[in-house]
Protein backbone atom coordinates (compact mmCIF):
# COMPACT_ATOMS: atom_id res chain seq x y z
CA MET A 1 -7.26 21.85 -53.99
CA ARG A 2 -3.55 20.54 -54.36
CA GLY A 3 -2.98 21.84 -50.72
CA ALA A 4 -6.23 20.42 -49.56
CA ARG A 5 -5.13 17.03 -50.67
CA ALA A 6 -1.58 17.51 -49.03
CA PHE A 7 -3.33 18.60 -45.67
CA LEU A 8 -5.54 15.44 -45.75
CA ALA A 9 -2.33 13.05 -46.51
CA TRP A 10 -0.60 14.51 -43.49
CA ALA A 11 -3.20 15.28 -41.11
CA PRO A 12 -3.54 11.56 -39.95
CA ARG A 13 0.43 11.43 -39.22
CA VAL A 14 0.32 15.03 -37.54
CA LEU A 15 -2.45 13.53 -35.30
CA GLY A 16 -0.55 10.73 -34.50
CA LEU A 17 2.18 12.58 -33.12
CA LEU A 18 0.02 14.82 -31.07
CA LEU A 19 -1.30 11.87 -29.51
CA LEU A 20 1.90 10.10 -28.95
CA GLY A 21 2.99 13.36 -27.33
CA VAL A 22 -0.39 13.51 -24.90
CA HIS A 23 0.20 9.82 -23.98
CA HIS A 24 3.71 10.53 -23.16
CA LEU A 25 2.86 13.83 -21.14
CA ARG A 26 0.19 11.69 -19.16
CA VAL A 27 2.96 9.07 -18.15
CA GLU A 28 5.53 11.49 -17.31
CA GLY A 29 2.84 13.72 -15.63
CA LEU A 30 3.24 11.29 -12.41
CA GLY A 31 -0.73 11.06 -11.62
CA MET A 32 -1.01 7.63 -10.24
CA GLU A 33 -4.42 7.23 -11.59
CA ASP A 34 -2.96 7.73 -15.15
CA VAL A 35 0.07 5.34 -14.44
CA TRP A 36 -2.53 3.21 -12.69
CA SER A 37 -4.19 2.56 -15.95
CA ASP A 38 -1.22 2.68 -18.38
CA HIS A 39 -0.83 -1.32 -18.64
CA GLN A 40 -4.61 -1.78 -19.35
CA GLU A 41 -4.23 -2.70 -23.10
CA TYR A 42 -2.97 -6.04 -22.52
CA THR A 43 -3.97 -7.11 -18.70
CA PRO A 44 -5.56 -5.22 -15.64
CA ARG A 45 -3.68 -3.29 -13.40
CA ALA A 46 -5.17 -5.35 -10.53
CA TYR A 47 -7.55 -7.90 -9.87
CA TYR A 48 -9.12 -10.75 -7.60
CA LEU A 49 -7.14 -13.81 -8.15
CA GLU A 50 -10.23 -16.19 -8.02
CA CYS A 51 -12.47 -13.91 -10.02
CA PRO A 52 -10.52 -12.04 -12.74
CA TRP A 53 -13.18 -10.29 -13.93
CA LYS A 54 -13.38 -8.46 -10.69
CA THR A 55 -11.11 -5.65 -11.08
CA ILE A 56 -9.58 -3.15 -8.65
CA ASP A 57 -10.24 0.08 -10.68
CA SER A 58 -7.81 2.73 -8.68
CA ALA A 59 -4.84 3.06 -6.78
CA ASP A 60 -7.19 4.52 -3.73
CA ASP A 61 -9.37 1.26 -3.84
CA MET A 62 -6.22 -0.89 -3.77
CA LEU A 63 -5.09 1.08 -0.53
CA LEU A 64 -8.30 0.51 0.80
CA LYS A 65 -8.93 -3.29 0.39
CA THR A 66 -5.35 -4.27 1.28
CA GLY A 67 -3.20 -1.43 2.35
CA LEU A 68 -0.98 -1.84 -0.45
CA GLU A 69 0.16 1.52 -1.71
CA LEU A 70 1.42 2.00 -5.45
CA LEU A 71 3.77 5.08 -5.78
CA TRP A 72 5.50 6.12 -9.52
CA LEU A 73 9.09 7.23 -8.90
CA GLY A 74 10.35 7.14 -12.04
CA ASP A 75 12.32 4.74 -14.52
CA GLN A 76 15.52 6.56 -15.06
CA PRO A 77 17.82 7.65 -12.34
CA PRO A 78 17.70 11.40 -12.58
CA GLU A 79 13.93 11.14 -12.50
CA TYR A 80 13.52 9.07 -9.41
CA ARG A 81 16.31 9.78 -7.42
CA GLN A 82 14.57 13.11 -5.50
CA PRO A 83 11.47 10.99 -4.99
CA LEU A 84 13.20 8.31 -3.79
CA GLU A 85 15.03 10.07 -1.35
CA ALA A 86 12.04 11.82 -0.13
CA LEU A 87 10.09 8.12 0.12
CA GLN A 88 13.07 7.03 2.52
CA ALA A 89 13.16 10.24 4.51
CA ALA A 90 9.43 9.99 4.69
CA HIS A 91 9.66 6.42 6.20
CA GLY A 92 12.74 6.41 8.24
CA PHE A 93 14.31 4.18 5.87
CA VAL A 94 18.03 3.76 6.09
CA GLU A 95 19.38 0.59 4.19
CA SER A 96 18.79 -0.31 0.73
CA ASP A 97 19.98 -3.50 -1.74
CA GLU A 98 19.28 -4.84 -5.18
CA ILE A 99 18.34 -8.06 -6.76
CA PHE A 100 18.24 -9.08 -10.23
CA ILE A 101 16.01 -12.35 -11.02
CA SER A 102 15.44 -13.46 -14.78
CA ALA A 103 13.93 -16.44 -15.71
CA GLU A 104 16.12 -16.49 -19.12
CA ALA A 105 19.56 -15.72 -17.46
CA ASN A 106 19.02 -17.80 -14.40
CA LEU A 107 16.20 -20.36 -14.45
CA GLY A 108 17.44 -21.85 -11.23
CA LEU A 109 17.50 -18.60 -9.05
CA ALA A 110 14.31 -17.71 -10.59
CA GLU A 111 12.57 -20.78 -9.43
CA ALA A 112 14.04 -21.07 -6.08
CA ALA A 113 12.99 -17.57 -5.31
CA LEU A 114 9.55 -17.34 -7.15
CA GLY A 115 8.71 -20.86 -8.48
CA TRP A 116 6.67 -23.09 -6.28
CA GLY A 117 7.63 -23.02 -2.65
CA GLY A 118 9.92 -20.24 -3.36
CA LYS A 119 11.50 -17.91 -0.95
CA PHE A 120 9.30 -15.00 -2.16
CA SER A 121 6.25 -16.89 -3.86
CA ARG A 122 5.39 -18.83 -0.47
CA GLU A 123 3.04 -16.81 1.87
CA HIS A 124 4.53 -14.80 4.08
CA SER A 125 4.66 -11.51 6.21
CA HIS A 126 6.87 -8.99 7.71
CA THR A 127 7.07 -6.99 11.00
CA GLU A 128 8.18 -4.08 8.95
CA ASP A 129 6.64 -2.31 6.15
CA GLU A 130 7.95 -4.10 2.69
CA VAL A 131 8.88 -1.69 0.13
CA ARG A 132 10.36 -2.73 -3.27
CA PHE A 133 11.08 -0.59 -6.23
CA ALA A 134 11.20 -2.03 -9.51
CA LEU A 135 14.42 -0.62 -11.50
CA GLU A 136 13.41 -3.06 -14.71
CA GLY A 137 11.18 -5.35 -15.82
CA GLY A 138 8.43 -6.11 -13.12
CA VAL A 139 6.92 -8.46 -10.93
CA ILE A 140 3.26 -9.84 -9.67
CA TRP A 141 2.41 -9.32 -6.00
CA ASP A 142 -0.58 -11.41 -4.67
CA ILE A 143 -2.05 -9.66 -1.29
CA ARG A 144 -4.79 -10.84 0.84
CA GLU A 145 -7.76 -8.58 0.97
CA ARG A 146 -8.45 -7.00 4.24
CA GLY A 147 -11.86 -8.44 6.00
CA PRO A 148 -12.84 -11.99 6.84
CA GLY A 149 -12.79 -13.52 3.25
CA GLU A 150 -8.94 -12.75 3.06
CA HIS A 151 -9.27 -13.10 -1.06
CA TRP A 152 -6.36 -12.91 -2.97
CA ILE A 153 -5.71 -9.71 -4.93
CA ARG A 154 -3.31 -10.09 -7.60
CA ILE A 155 -1.51 -6.45 -8.93
CA HIS A 156 1.23 -6.18 -11.78
CA VAL A 157 4.18 -4.14 -10.91
CA TYR A 158 6.26 -2.46 -13.47
CA ALA A 159 9.57 -0.50 -14.01
CA GLY A 160 9.60 2.90 -12.30
CA GLU A 161 6.91 1.71 -9.53
CA ALA A 162 7.20 1.11 -5.96
CA ALA A 163 5.24 -0.90 -3.88
CA ILE A 164 4.50 -0.61 -0.31
CA ILE A 165 3.35 -3.66 1.27
CA PRO A 166 2.07 -2.95 4.95
CA LYS A 167 3.71 -4.96 7.82
CA ASP A 168 1.75 -7.94 8.93
CA SER A 169 0.16 -8.45 5.59
CA TRP A 170 0.12 -11.81 4.02
CA HIS A 171 1.51 -11.33 0.62
CA ARG A 172 3.69 -13.34 -2.19
CA MET A 173 5.47 -12.71 -5.31
CA PHE A 174 6.17 -13.79 -8.72
CA LEU A 175 7.50 -13.07 -12.18
CA LEU A 176 5.50 -11.46 -15.02
CA PRO A 177 4.40 -13.64 -17.90
CA HIS A 178 6.25 -10.94 -19.61
CA PRO A 179 8.88 -9.63 -18.91
CA THR A 180 10.14 -12.57 -17.09
CA TYR A 181 12.90 -10.85 -15.29
CA VAL A 182 13.20 -8.03 -12.81
CA ARG A 183 15.54 -5.89 -11.08
CA MET A 184 14.39 -4.27 -7.69
CA MET A 185 15.72 -2.25 -5.24
CA ARG A 186 14.58 -2.98 -1.42
CA ILE A 187 14.31 -0.29 1.02
CA TYR A 188 13.98 -0.70 4.53
CA LYS A 189 15.23 0.01 8.13
CA ASP A 190 16.35 -3.18 9.61
CA GLU A 191 17.01 -6.50 8.62
CA LEU A 192 15.34 -7.80 11.61
CA GLY A 193 12.18 -6.41 10.17
CA TRP A 194 12.35 -8.09 7.05
CA GLN A 195 12.69 -11.54 8.60
CA ALA A 196 10.06 -13.64 6.96
CA THR A 197 7.26 -15.39 8.80
CA TYR A 198 5.84 -18.32 6.59
CA ARG A 199 2.06 -18.69 7.12
CA ASP A 200 2.44 -22.47 6.10
CA GLU A 201 4.98 -22.92 9.01
CA LEU A 202 2.72 -21.35 11.86
CA PRO A 203 1.00 -23.78 14.31
CA ALA A 204 -2.76 -24.61 13.41
CA GLY A 205 -4.90 -21.62 14.53
CA LYS A 206 -2.18 -19.39 14.66
CA GLU A 207 -2.17 -17.88 11.08
CA GLU A 208 -3.71 -14.42 12.05
CA LEU A 209 -1.34 -11.61 13.02
């Protein structure tokens, strides 16, 4: 009887540890569908900005609707080094740099880059694929849906994930509500392909690429 009571007392703890292990293995397994849903407990991964209840339910669906590809590379250097090198080799990327933006550490820089009318938050496009790898924190990407409606689709990207936004796609970027900072790596072929074309600067009738 005493043994039964001891088992009942410890069983919830053992089950909790097992579930924690399963969660850890699920994330570490690097399956994109698993990573896609990992943050669902507090916000949808991706959704239509005008209709937040209309969610994008998979990485494949996001790719189909916008061309944006989301990849899990890893959140520690030993984990992401090899996938990062493979990504660079596959796309012919030869250059990279990093940027750190924090609303707490430097509000002025954050607002200049990601605030109203900021460098990254204005709708723009590039003639080269844009690849951003979140090393710390996270960001919000808005990207236009393909098709005549051009609806905004918003996606939350977190540390360990790389977003590949196809060239000639209209998009913009913001900080997350939490955490309010991001350290990102930019991966590219040539600076020329990264020159932004801002949609509000184009002549009337020339908004289509």
